[in-house]
C-alpha atoms as a PDB file:
ATOM      1  CA  UNK A   1       9.148  16.754 -11.010  1.00  0.00           C
ATOM      2  CA  UNK A   2       7.558  19.384  -8.783  1.00  0.00           C
ATOM      3  CA  UNK A   3       9.572  22.206  -7.267  1.00  0.00           C
ATOM      4  CA  UNK A   4       9.568  23.057  -3.628  1.00  0.00           C
ATOM      5  CA  UNK A   5       6.917  25.626  -2.654  1.00  0.00           C
ATOM      6  CA  UNK A   6       8.194  27.862   0.181  1.00  0.00           C
ATOM      7  CA  UNK A   7       4.601  28.769   1.155  1.00  0.00           C
ATOM      8  CA  UNK A   8       3.181  25.330   1.102  1.00  0.00           C
ATOM      9  CA  UNK A   9       2.654  23.475   4.320  1.00  0.00           C
ATOM     10  CA  UNK A  10       2.484  20.151   2.505  1.00  0.00           C
ATOM     11  CA  UNK A  11       5.749  20.863   0.742  1.00  0.00           C
ATOM     12  CA  UNK A  12       7.390  21.471   4.127  1.00  0.00           C
ATOM     13  CA  UNK A  13       5.763  18.355   5.408  1.00  0.00           C
ATOM     14  CA  UNK A  14       7.132  16.332   2.492  1.00  0.00           C
ATOM     15  CA  UNK A  15      10.515  17.845   3.069  1.00  0.00           C
ATOM     16  CA  UNK A  16      10.295  16.779   6.749  1.00  0.00           C
ATOM     17  CA  UNK A  17       9.469  13.224   5.832  1.00  0.00           C
ATOM     18  CA  UNK A  18      12.483  12.823   3.537  1.00  0.00           C
ATOM     19  CA  UNK A  19      14.698  14.104   6.493  1.00  0.00           C
ATOM     20  CA  UNK A  20      12.937  11.658   8.821  1.00  0.00           C
ATOM     21  CA  UNK A  21      13.520   8.823   6.493  1.00  0.00           C
ATOM     22  CA  UNK A  22      17.123   9.618   6.086  1.00  0.00           C
ATOM     23  CA  UNK A  23      17.610  10.240   9.863  1.00  0.00           C
ATOM     24  CA  UNK A  24      16.002   6.901  10.464  1.00  0.00           C
ATOM     25  CA  UNK A  25      18.562   5.011   8.284  1.00  0.00           C
ATOM     26  CA  UNK A  26      17.085   5.081   4.909  1.00  0.00           C
ATOM     27  CA  UNK A  27      18.502   6.620   1.661  1.00  0.00           C
ATOM     28  CA  UNK A  28      16.684   7.544  -1.553  1.00  0.00           C
ATOM     29  CA  UNK A  29      17.682   5.888  -4.943  1.00  0.00           C
ATOM     30  CA  UNK A  30      16.457   6.555  -8.361  1.00  0.00           C
ATOM     31  CA  UNK A  31      16.858   3.447 -10.569  1.00  0.00           C
ATOM     32  CA  UNK A  32      16.507   3.495 -14.397  1.00  0.00           C
ATOM     33  CA  UNK A  33      14.817   0.217 -15.271  1.00  0.00           C
ATOM     34  CA  UNK A  34      14.902   0.628 -19.146  1.00  0.00           C
ATOM     35  CA  UNK A  35      14.677   3.445 -21.452  1.00  0.00           C
ATOM     36  CA  UNK A  36      10.939   4.088 -20.608  1.00  0.00           C
ATOM     37  CA  UNK A  37      10.754   3.671 -16.903  1.00  0.00           C
ATOM     38  CA  UNK A  38      12.447   5.107 -13.785  1.00  0.00           C
ATOM     39  CA  UNK A  39      11.556   4.099 -10.335  1.00  0.00           C
ATOM     40  CA  UNK A  40      12.446   5.688  -6.856  1.00  0.00           C
ATOM     41  CA  UNK A  41      12.981   3.516  -3.825  1.00  0.00           C
ATOM     42  CA  UNK A  42      13.849   4.081  -0.269  1.00  0.00           C
ATOM     43  CA  UNK A  43      16.584   1.567   0.723  1.00  0.00           C
ATOM     44  CA  UNK A  44      18.673   0.869   3.951  1.00  0.00           C
ATOM     45  CA  UNK A  45      21.782   3.087   4.136  1.00  0.00           C
ATOM     46  CA  UNK A  46      23.488  -0.022   5.479  1.00  0.00           C
ATOM     47  CA  UNK A  47      22.169  -3.501   4.789  1.00  0.00           C
ATOM     48  CA  UNK A  48      22.549  -5.784   7.797  1.00  0.00           C
ATOM     49  CA  UNK A  49      23.224  -9.535   6.627  1.00  0.00           C
ATOM     50  CA  UNK A  50      21.595 -10.740   9.903  1.00  0.00           C
ATOM     51  CA  UNK A  51      18.235  -9.186   9.030  1.00  0.00           C
ATOM     52  CA  UNK A  52      15.582 -10.294   6.789  1.00  0.00           C
ATOM     53  CA  UNK A  53      14.385  -7.992   3.939  1.00  0.00           C
ATOM     54  CA  UNK A  54      10.888  -6.570   3.917  1.00  0.00           C
ATOM     55  CA  UNK A  55       9.346  -4.637   0.887  1.00  0.00           C
ATOM     56  CA  UNK A  56       6.519  -2.394   1.590  1.00  0.00           C
ATOM     57  CA  UNK A  57       4.120  -1.386  -1.477  1.00  0.00           C
ATOM     58  CA  UNK A  58       2.005   1.655  -0.896  1.00  0.00           C
ATOM     59  CA  UNK A  59      -1.612   2.146  -2.089  1.00  0.00           C
ATOM     60  CA  UNK A  60      -3.245   4.897  -4.205  1.00  0.00           C
ATOM     61  CA  UNK A  61      -2.927   8.477  -2.962  1.00  0.00           C
ATOM     62  CA  UNK A  62       0.202  10.234  -1.840  1.00  0.00           C
ATOM     63  CA  UNK A  63       3.776   8.830  -2.304  1.00  0.00           C
ATOM     64  CA  UNK A  64       5.384   6.026  -0.116  1.00  0.00           C
ATOM     65  CA  UNK A  65       6.681   8.311   2.559  1.00  0.00           C
ATOM     66  CA  UNK A  66       3.289   9.692   3.520  1.00  0.00           C
ATOM     67  CA  UNK A  67       1.780   6.192   3.705  1.00  0.00           C
ATOM     68  CA  UNK A  68       4.538   4.360   5.371  1.00  0.00           C
ATOM     69  CA  UNK A  69       6.343   6.840   7.751  1.00  0.00           C
ATOM     70  CA  UNK A  70       4.747   5.419  11.067  1.00  0.00           C
ATOM     71  CA  UNK A  71       6.304   1.982  10.096  1.00  0.00           C
ATOM     72  CA  UNK A  72       9.948   3.134   9.508  1.00  0.00           C
ATOM     73  CA  UNK A  73      11.588   2.881  12.888  1.00  0.00           C
ATOM     74  CA  UNK A  74       9.513  -0.015  14.343  1.00  0.00           C
ATOM     75  CA  UNK A  75      10.137  -2.213  11.275  1.00  0.00           C
ATOM     76  CA  UNK A  76      13.595  -0.945  10.481  1.00  0.00           C
ATOM     77  CA  UNK A  77      14.812  -2.245  13.802  1.00  0.00           C
ATOM     78  CA  UNK A  78      14.237  -5.769  12.584  1.00  0.00           C
ATOM     79  CA  UNK A  79      14.284  -5.714   8.868  1.00  0.00           C
ATOM     80  CA  UNK A  80      16.183  -4.313   5.783  1.00  0.00           C
ATOM     81  CA  UNK A  81      13.357  -2.063   4.489  1.00  0.00           C
ATOM     82  CA  UNK A  82      12.697  -1.328   0.907  1.00  0.00           C
ATOM     83  CA  UNK A  83       9.978   1.025   0.101  1.00  0.00           C
ATOM     84  CA  UNK A  84       9.454   1.845  -3.605  1.00  0.00           C
ATOM     85  CA  UNK A  85       7.388   4.571  -5.127  1.00  0.00           C
ATOM     86  CA  UNK A  86       5.013   2.675  -7.731  1.00  0.00           C
ATOM     87  CA  UNK A  87       5.226   3.917 -11.297  1.00  0.00           C
ATOM     88  CA  UNK A  88       3.505   7.310 -11.585  1.00  0.00           C
ATOM     89  CA  UNK A  89       3.826   8.006  -7.759  1.00  0.00           C
ATOM     90  CA  UNK A  90       6.452  10.182  -6.282  1.00  0.00           C
ATOM     91  CA  UNK A  91       9.591  10.349  -8.486  1.00  0.00           C
ATOM     92  CA  UNK A  92       8.731   7.195 -10.364  1.00  0.00           C
ATOM     93  CA  UNK A  93       7.511   7.578 -13.952  1.00  0.00           C
ATOM     94  CA  UNK A  94       7.379   5.793 -17.227  1.00  0.00           C
ATOM     95  CA  UNK A  95       6.953   7.033 -20.986  1.00  0.00           C
ATOM     96  CA  UNK A  96       5.755   3.572 -21.884  1.00  0.00           C
ATOM     97  CA  UNK A  97       2.116   2.474 -22.264  1.00  0.00           C
ATOM     98  CA  UNK A  98       1.873  -0.345 -19.667  1.00  0.00           C
ATOM     99  CA  UNK A  99      -0.466   0.419 -16.841  1.00  0.00           C
ATOM    100  CA  UNK A 100      -1.535  -2.978 -15.275  1.00  0.00           C
ATOM    101  CA  UNK A 101      -0.720  -4.206 -11.717  1.00  0.00           C
ATOM    102  CA  UNK A 102       1.257  -6.890 -13.481  1.00  0.00           C
ATOM    103  CA  UNK A 103       3.494  -4.062 -14.878  1.00  0.00           C
ATOM    104  CA  UNK A 104       3.969  -2.603 -11.563  1.00  0.00           C
ATOM    105  CA  UNK A 105       4.808  -5.915 -10.045  1.00  0.00           C
ATOM    106  CA  UNK A 106       7.464  -6.570 -12.718  1.00  0.00           C
ATOM    107  CA  UNK A 107       8.789  -3.109 -12.174  1.00  0.00           C
ATOM    108  CA  UNK A 108       9.164  -3.580  -8.460  1.00  0.00           C
ATOM    109  CA  UNK A 109      10.935  -6.931  -9.071  1.00  0.00           C
ATOM    110  CA  UNK A 110      13.385  -5.170 -11.444  1.00  0.00           C
ATOM    111  CA  UNK A 111      14.307  -2.561  -8.783  1.00  0.00           C
ATOM    112  CA  UNK A 112      14.810  -5.411  -6.157  1.00  0.00           C
ATOM    113  CA  UNK A 113      17.074  -7.288  -8.623  1.00  0.00           C
ATOM    114  CA  UNK A 114      19.007  -4.176  -9.310  1.00  0.00           C
ATOM    115  CA  UNK A 115      19.569  -3.698  -5.539  1.00  0.00           C
ATOM    116  CA  UNK A 116      20.696  -7.269  -5.078  1.00  0.00           C
ATOM    117  CA  UNK A 117      17.761  -8.282  -2.952  1.00  0.00           C
ATOM    118  CA  UNK A 118      17.331 -12.017  -3.627  1.00  0.00           C
ATOM    119  CA  UNK A 119      14.729 -13.079  -1.010  1.00  0.00           C
ATOM    120  CA  UNK A 120      12.306 -10.894   0.973  1.00  0.00           C
ATOM    121  CA  UNK A 121       9.010 -10.662   2.833  1.00  0.00           C
ATOM    122  CA  UNK A 122       6.377  -8.559   1.010  1.00  0.00           C
ATOM    123  CA  UNK A 123       3.608  -6.288   2.180  1.00  0.00           C
ATOM    124  CA  UNK A 124       1.068  -4.275   0.197  1.00  0.00           C
ATOM    125  CA  UNK A 125      -1.926  -2.027   1.110  1.00  0.00           C
ATOM    126  CA  UNK A 126      -5.042  -1.515  -1.044  1.00  0.00           C
ATOM    127  CA  UNK A 127      -3.795  -1.027  -4.729  1.00  0.00           C
ATOM    128  CA  UNK A 128      -0.317  -1.952  -3.498  1.00  0.00           C
ATOM    129  CA  UNK A 129      -1.887  -5.393  -2.216  1.00  0.00           C
ATOM    130  CA  UNK A 130      -2.918  -6.042  -5.916  1.00  0.00           C
ATOM    131  CA  UNK A 131       0.751  -5.483  -6.928  1.00  0.00           C
ATOM    132  CA  UNK A 132       2.132  -7.459  -4.022  1.00  0.00           C
ATOM    133  CA  UNK A 133      -0.176 -10.482  -4.647  1.00  0.00           C
ATOM    134  CA  UNK A 134       0.967 -10.689  -8.329  1.00  0.00           C
ATOM    135  CA  UNK A 135       4.545 -10.459  -7.263  1.00  0.00           C
ATOM    136  CA  UNK A 136       4.121 -13.119  -4.788  1.00  0.00           C
ATOM    137  CA  UNK A 137       2.496 -15.339  -7.238  1.00  0.00           C
ATOM    138  CA  UNK A 138       5.123 -14.883  -9.968  1.00  0.00           C
ATOM    139  CA  UNK A 139       8.105 -15.240  -7.770  1.00  0.00           C
ATOM    140  CA  UNK A 140       7.308 -17.804  -5.104  1.00  0.00           C
ATOM    141  CA  UNK A 141      10.945 -18.874  -4.720  1.00  0.00           C
ATOM    142  CA  UNK A 142      11.948 -15.269  -3.868  1.00  0.00           C
ATOM    143  CA  UNK A 143       9.062 -13.944  -1.802  1.00  0.00           C
ATOM    144  CA  UNK A 144       8.845 -15.396   1.714  1.00  0.00           C
ATOM    145  CA  UNK A 145       5.847 -14.339   3.870  1.00  0.00           C
ATOM    146  CA  UNK A 146       3.227 -12.003   2.440  1.00  0.00           C
ATOM    147  CA  UNK A 147       1.117  -9.350   4.141  1.00  0.00           C
ATOM    148  CA  UNK A 148      -2.059  -8.223   2.374  1.00  0.00           C
ATOM    149  CA  UNK A 149      -3.617  -5.113   3.882  1.00  0.00           C
ATOM    150  CA  UNK A 150      -7.145  -3.839   2.994  1.00  0.00           C
ATOM    151  CA  UNK A 151      -6.743  -5.020  -0.574  1.00  0.00           C
ATOM    152  CA  UNK A 152      -9.751  -6.682  -2.355  1.00  0.00           C
ATOM    153  CA  UNK A 153      -7.612  -9.022  -4.528  1.00  0.00           C
ATOM    154  CA  UNK A 154     -10.626 -11.401  -4.740  1.00  0.00           C
ATOM    155  CA  UNK A 155     -12.567  -8.622  -6.502  1.00  0.00           C
ATOM    156  CA  UNK A 156     -15.197  -9.665  -9.068  1.00  0.00           C
ATOM    157  CA  UNK A 157     -16.888  -7.449 -11.665  1.00  0.00           C
ATOM    158  CA  UNK A 158     -19.836  -6.641  -9.215  1.00  0.00           C
ATOM    159  CA  UNK A 159     -17.496  -5.304  -6.644  1.00  0.00           C
ATOM    160  CA  UNK A 160     -16.063  -2.853  -9.092  1.00  0.00           C
ATOM    161  CA  UNK A 161     -19.592  -1.689  -9.802  1.00  0.00           C
ATOM    162  CA  UNK A 162     -20.355  -1.191  -6.044  1.00  0.00           C
ATOM    163  CA  UNK A 163     -17.041   0.284  -5.025  1.00  0.00           C
ATOM    164  CA  UNK A 164     -17.299   3.488  -3.072  1.00  0.00           C
ATOM    165  CA  UNK A 165     -20.739   4.407  -4.198  1.00  0.00           C
ATOM    166  CA  UNK A 166     -21.809   8.264  -3.424  1.00  0.00           C
ATOM    167  CA  UNK A 167     -24.980  10.036  -3.580  1.00  0.00           C
ATOM    168  CA  UNK A 168     -23.656  12.209  -6.576  1.00  0.00           C
ATOM    169  CA  UNK A 169     -22.499   9.176  -8.473  1.00  0.00           C
ATOM    170  CA  UNK A 170     -18.831  10.130  -8.587  1.00  0.00           C
ATOM    171  CA  UNK A 171     -16.593   7.639 -10.389  1.00  0.00           C
ATOM    172  CA  UNK A 172     -13.780   5.867  -8.497  1.00  0.00           C
ATOM    173  CA  UNK A 173     -11.104   7.836 -10.117  1.00  0.00           C
ATOM    174  CA  UNK A 174     -12.905  11.164  -9.107  1.00  0.00           C
ATOM    175  CA  UNK A 175     -12.879   9.956  -5.484  1.00  0.00           C
ATOM    176  CA  UNK A 176      -9.375   8.425  -5.339  1.00  0.00           C
ATOM    177  CA  UNK A 177      -7.984  11.494  -7.243  1.00  0.00           C
ATOM    178  CA  UNK A 178      -9.743  14.434  -5.633  1.00  0.00           C
ATOM    179  CA  UNK A 179      -9.545  17.795  -7.396  1.00  0.00           C
ATOM    180  CA  UNK A 180     -11.343  20.049  -4.767  1.00  0.00           C
ATOM    181  CA  UNK A 181     -11.447  20.128  -0.948  1.00  0.00           C
ATOM    182  CA  UNK A 182     -14.925  18.730  -1.057  1.00  0.00           C
ATOM    183  CA  UNK A 183     -13.676  15.752  -3.138  1.00  0.00           C
ATOM    184  CA  UNK A 184     -10.849  15.192  -0.534  1.00  0.00           C
ATOM    185  CA  UNK A 185     -13.377  15.259   2.408  1.00  0.00           C
ATOM    186  CA  UNK A 186     -15.368  12.479   0.423  1.00  0.00           C
ATOM    187  CA  UNK A 187     -12.200  10.450   0.129  1.00  0.00           C
ATOM    188  CA  UNK A 188     -11.412  10.687   3.841  1.00  0.00           C
ATOM    189  CA  UNK A 189     -14.895   9.629   4.779  1.00  0.00           C
ATOM    190  CA  UNK A 190     -14.228   6.445   2.910  1.00  0.00           C
ATOM    191  CA  UNK A 191     -10.681   5.830   3.948  1.00  0.00           C
ATOM    192  CA  UNK A 192     -10.528   6.954   7.589  1.00  0.00           C
ATOM    193  CA  UNK A 193     -12.826   5.750  10.326  1.00  0.00           C
ATOM    194  CA  UNK A 194     -12.729   8.969  12.263  1.00  0.00           C
ATOM    195  CA  UNK A 195     -11.679  11.674   9.800  1.00  0.00           C
ATOM    196  CA  UNK A 196     -10.542  15.099  11.184  1.00  0.00           C
ATOM    197  CA  UNK A 197     -13.432  17.474  11.220  1.00  0.00           C
ATOM    198  CA  UNK A 198     -11.781  20.876  11.073  1.00  0.00           C
ATOM    199  CA  UNK A 199      -9.213  20.724   8.422  1.00  0.00           C
ATOM    200  CA  UNK A 200      -9.228  24.010   6.458  1.00  0.00           C
ATOM    201  CA  UNK A 201      -9.961  23.984   2.677  1.00  0.00           C
ATOM    202  CA  UNK A 202      -6.778  25.814   1.813  1.00  0.00           C
ATOM    203  CA  UNK A 203      -4.665  22.904   3.494  1.00  0.00           C
ATOM    204  CA  UNK A 204      -6.714  20.345   1.673  1.00  0.00           C
ATOM    205  CA  UNK A 205      -6.240  22.120  -1.675  1.00  0.00           C
ATOM    206  CA  UNK A 206      -2.554  22.338  -0.859  1.00  0.00           C
ATOM    207  CA  UNK A 207      -2.374  18.579  -0.401  1.00  0.00           C
ATOM    208  CA  UNK A 208      -4.184  18.113  -3.740  1.00  0.00           C
ATOM    209  CA  UNK A 209      -1.950  20.424  -5.614  1.00  0.00           C
ATOM    210  CA  UNK A 210       1.234  18.746  -4.256  1.00  0.00           C
ATOM    211  CA  UNK A 211       0.044  15.043  -4.358  1.00  0.00           C
ATOM    212  CA  UNK A 212      -2.765  14.605  -6.865  1.00  0.00           C
ATOM    213  CA  UNK A 213      -2.140  16.813  -9.853  1.00  0.00           C
ATOM    214  CA  UNK A 214       1.200  15.398 -10.964  1.00  0.00           C
ATOM    215  CA  UNK A 215       0.859  12.272 -13.473  1.00  0.00           C
ATOM    216  CA  UNK A 216      -2.896  12.473 -12.661  1.00  0.00           C
ATOM    217  CA  UNK A 217      -3.947  11.257 -16.286  1.00  0.00           C
ATOM    218  CA  UNK A 218      -1.508   8.312 -15.936  1.00  0.00           C
ATOM    219  CA  UNK A 219      -3.026   7.414 -12.422  1.00  0.00           C
ATOM    220  CA  UNK A 220      -6.510   7.375 -13.923  1.00  0.00           C
ATOM    221  CA  UNK A 221      -5.211   5.112 -16.468  1.00  0.00           C
ATOM    222  CA  UNK A 222      -3.896   2.800 -13.835  1.00  0.00           C
ATOM    223  CA  UNK A 223      -7.331   2.432 -12.317  1.00  0.00           C
ATOM    224  CA  UNK A 224      -9.061   1.811 -15.646  1.00  0.00           C
ATOM    225  CA  UNK A 225      -6.487  -0.796 -16.668  1.00  0.00           C
ATOM    226  CA  UNK A 226      -6.597  -2.946 -13.512  1.00  0.00           C
ATOM    227  CA  UNK A 227      -6.965  -6.592 -14.533  1.00  0.00           C
ATOM    228  CA  UNK A 228      -8.074  -7.834 -11.181  1.00  0.00           C
ATOM    229  CA  UNK A 229     -12.043  -7.615 -10.926  1.00  0.00           C
ATOM    230  CA  UNK A 230     -12.534  -7.570 -14.735  1.00  0.00           C
ATOM    231  CA  UNK A 231     -14.417 -10.088 -16.902  1.00  0.00           C
ATOM    232  CA  UNK A 232     -11.060 -10.866 -18.717  1.00  0.00           C
ATOM    233  CA  UNK A 233      -9.187 -11.518 -15.441  1.00  0.00           C
ATOM    234  CA  UNK A 234      -7.862 -15.104 -15.191  1.00  0.00           C
ATOM    235  CA  UNK A 235      -8.766 -17.164 -12.053  1.00  0.00           C
ATOM    236  CA  UNK A 236      -7.056 -15.815  -9.003  1.00  0.00           C
ATOM    237  CA  UNK A 237      -4.259 -18.059  -7.983  1.00  0.00           C
ATOM    238  CA  UNK A 238      -3.847 -19.366  -4.392  1.00  0.00           C
ATOM    239  CA  UNK A 239      -0.446 -18.123  -2.885  1.00  0.00           C
ATOM    240  CA  UNK A 240       1.808 -20.792  -1.647  1.00  0.00           C
ATOM    241  CA  UNK A 241       3.258 -18.410   1.034  1.00  0.00           C
ATOM    242  CA  UNK A 242       2.039 -17.957   4.494  1.00  0.00           C
ATOM    243  CA  UNK A 243      -0.157 -14.896   4.277  1.00  0.00           C
ATOM    244  CA  UNK A 244      -1.288 -12.419   6.857  1.00  0.00           C
ATOM    245  CA  UNK A 245      -4.378 -10.442   5.992  1.00  0.00           C
ATOM    246  CA  UNK A 246      -4.962  -7.147   7.852  1.00  0.00           C
ATOM    247  CA  UNK A 247      -8.276  -5.293   7.715  1.00  0.00           C
ATOM    248  CA  UNK A 248      -9.810  -2.279   9.303  1.00  0.00           C
ATOM    249  CA  UNK A 249     -13.032  -3.075  11.138  1.00  0.00           C
ATOM    250  CA  UNK A 250     -14.758  -0.103   9.617  1.00  0.00           C
ATOM    251  CA  UNK A 251     -13.172  -0.132   6.100  1.00  0.00           C
ATOM    252  CA  UNK A 252     -15.678   1.598   3.737  1.00  0.00           C
ATOM    253  CA  UNK A 253     -13.373   1.334   0.579  1.00  0.00           C
ATOM    254  CA  UNK A 254     -13.166  -2.517   0.763  1.00  0.00           C
ATOM    255  CA  UNK A 255     -15.506  -3.635   3.591  1.00  0.00           C
ATOM    256  CA  UNK A 256     -14.417  -6.462   5.930  1.00  0.00           C
ATOM    257  CA  UNK A 257     -16.348  -9.165   4.188  1.00  0.00           C
ATOM    258  CA  UNK A 258     -13.998  -8.857   1.421  1.00  0.00           C
ATOM    259  CA  UNK A 259     -11.081  -9.670   3.745  1.00  0.00           C
ATOM    260  CA  UNK A 260     -13.012 -12.750   4.876  1.00  0.00           C
ATOM    261  CA  UNK A 261     -13.526 -13.641   1.223  1.00  0.00           C
ATOM    262  CA  UNK A 262      -9.752 -13.490   0.715  1.00  0.00           C
ATOM    263  CA  UNK A 263      -9.094 -15.703   3.808  1.00  0.00           C
ATOM    264  CA  UNK A 264     -11.427 -18.340   2.489  1.00  0.00           C
ATOM    265  CA  UNK A 265      -9.704 -18.242  -0.849  1.00  0.00           C
ATOM    266  CA  UNK A 266      -6.285 -18.655   0.685  1.00  0.00           C
ATOM    267  CA  UNK A 267      -7.259 -21.295   3.126  1.00  0.00           C
ATOM    268  CA  UNK A 268      -5.245 -22.500   6.144  1.00  0.00           C
ATOM    269  CA  UNK A 269      -1.831 -20.708   5.015  1.00  0.00           C
ATOM    270  CA  UNK A 270      -3.613 -17.464   5.735  1.00  0.00           C
ATOM    271  CA  UNK A 271      -4.548 -15.601   8.844  1.00  0.00           C
ATOM    272  CA  UNK A 272      -7.039 -12.621   9.085  1.00  0.00           C
ATOM    273  CA  UNK A 273      -6.342  -9.897  11.656  1.00  0.00           C
ATOM    274  CA  UNK A 274      -9.110  -7.276  12.054  1.00  0.00           C
ATOM    275  CA  UNK A 275      -7.891  -3.870  13.875  1.00  0.00           C
ATOM    276  CA  UNK A 276     -10.820  -2.460  15.676  1.00  0.00           C
ATOM    277  CA  UNK A 277     -12.030   1.177  15.297  1.00  0.00           C
ATOM    278  CA  UNK A 278     -10.156   1.934  12.129  1.00  0.00           C
ATOM    279  CA  UNK A 279     -11.020   2.198   8.525  1.00  0.00           C
ATOM    280  CA  UNK A 280      -8.870   1.635   5.269  1.00  0.00           C
ATOM    281  CA  UNK A 281      -5.656   3.180   6.476  1.00  0.00           C
ATOM    282  CA  UNK A 282      -4.879   1.049   9.600  1.00  0.00           C
ATOM    283  CA  UNK A 283      -1.040   1.694   9.072  1.00  0.00           C
ATOM    284  CA  UNK A 284      -1.855   5.414   9.957  1.00  0.00           C
ATOM    285  CA  UNK A 285      -4.881   5.197  12.145  1.00  0.00           C
ATOM    286  CA  UNK A 286      -3.378   2.613  14.712  1.00  0.00           C
ATOM    287  CA  UNK A 287       0.210   2.226  13.785  1.00  0.00           C
ATOM    288  CA  UNK A 288       1.206   0.617  17.004  1.00  0.00           C
ATOM    289  CA  UNK A 289      -1.315  -2.357  16.663  1.00  0.00           C
ATOM    290  CA  UNK A 290      -0.383  -2.580  12.973  1.00  0.00           C
ATOM    291  CA  UNK A 291       3.386  -2.673  13.454  1.00  0.00           C
ATOM    292  CA  UNK A 292       3.007  -5.165  16.143  1.00  0.00           C
ATOM    293  CA  UNK A 293       1.074  -7.486  13.849  1.00  0.00           C
ATOM    294  CA  UNK A 294       3.723  -7.171  11.120  1.00  0.00           C
ATOM    295  CA  UNK A 295       6.636  -7.814  13.344  1.00  0.00           C
ATOM    296  CA  UNK A 296       5.072 -10.694  15.216  1.00  0.00           C
ATOM    297  CA  UNK A 297       3.969 -12.518  11.899  1.00  0.00           C
ATOM    298  CA  UNK A 298       7.233 -11.924  10.023  1.00  0.00           C
ATOM    299  CA  UNK A 299       9.549 -12.856  12.961  1.00  0.00           C
ATOM    300  CA  UNK A 300       7.681 -15.860  14.160  1.00  0.00           C
ATOM    301  CA  UNK A 301       9.075 -19.000  12.563  1.00  0.00           C
ATOM    302  CA  UNK A 302       6.289 -21.195  13.663  1.00  0.00           C
ATOM    303  CA  UNK A 303       3.432 -22.072  11.553  1.00  0.00           C
ATOM    304  CA  UNK A 304      -0.121 -21.110  12.261  1.00  0.00           C
ATOM    305  CA  UNK A 305      -3.619 -22.442  11.745  1.00  0.00           C
ATOM    306  CA  UNK A 306      -5.972 -20.170   9.660  1.00  0.00           C
ATOM    307  CA  UNK A 307      -7.959 -18.077  11.949  1.00  0.00           C
ATOM    308  CA  UNK A 308      -9.578 -14.697  12.310  1.00  0.00           C
ATOM    309  CA  UNK A 309      -8.920 -12.420  15.104  1.00  0.00           C
ATOM    310  CA  UNK A 310     -10.069  -8.966  16.318  1.00  0.00           C
ATOM    311  CA  UNK A 311      -6.930  -7.137  17.486  1.00  0.00           C
ATOM    312  CA  UNK A 312      -6.506  -4.406  20.131  1.00  0.00           C
ATOM    313  CA  UNK A 313      -3.127  -3.594  21.532  1.00  0.00           C
ATOM    314  CA  UNK A 314      -2.191  -6.013  24.291  1.00  0.00           C
ATOM    315  CA  UNK A 315      -5.132  -8.317  23.519  1.00  0.00           C
ATOM    316  CA  UNK A 316      -5.929 -10.762  20.696  1.00  0.00           C
ATOM    317  CA  UNK A 317      -9.024 -12.771  21.069  1.00  0.00           C
ATOM    318  CA  UNK A 318     -10.380 -15.268  18.490  1.00  0.00           C
ATOM    319  CA  UNK A 319     -13.645 -14.490  16.752  1.00  0.00           C
END
């Protein structure tokens, strides 16, 4: 595990996020799953029996705190929140050889069983959506509603070949795990609709040093050993749970057509919500709209007809 760097802005920001999570009502737990695997998870300091439980699974990139911090207070008000770091992210690691999204799903389930969480809603973004989909399919009696965010779980081999193409033919691991400030800028162009223009290179390199160098080899292996989208992948099951699909209008990692494909695959038990003027990271780019959609969907006990909407705060018009 990395040491705190007194002269690193990103180290200070990471420290601040830990304090923010703690102040908001969360606490950090390290859970030994077996001899090989340890997982870190943010859990409620006090579990409220009247609240439903919600598990949020992060995508590739920084640890769970950096990806979910805008959701903490708005969602913790209504739910018992559980936010794990997937294996090889944050403080989670394994000395075993497993790398598939199925392994990640089983690991998350082991954490929740250890914590005594017997029933829960489930959300996952991007790579975390792959994990969430597997988890929801494997444990339909445990997972209530599902939220899939910007995650191409309907991926086919051709999608893998076309994913995030660049002029200099960088590979997906090279883009998702940047090693230089220029690499990081390329990643932001794919992930964020309006990326900041004036971020200094030293700050980007600081972020890379803190978030992308640790367990990098294992993260590359996670990407290479994805089952979804390969020739060997079994047919994608149709989830039995009500499912909300959230997509950014200008997602350049997984374009919107892939969200529409997932909606068709899931049928009338799914609803597609498109957040305007955002890219792949809608939970960070427009957190108010994102949190509204999550709260409305999970707290609404009524059923819905499968539709697609374009969403702006205070207005939701059918498309």
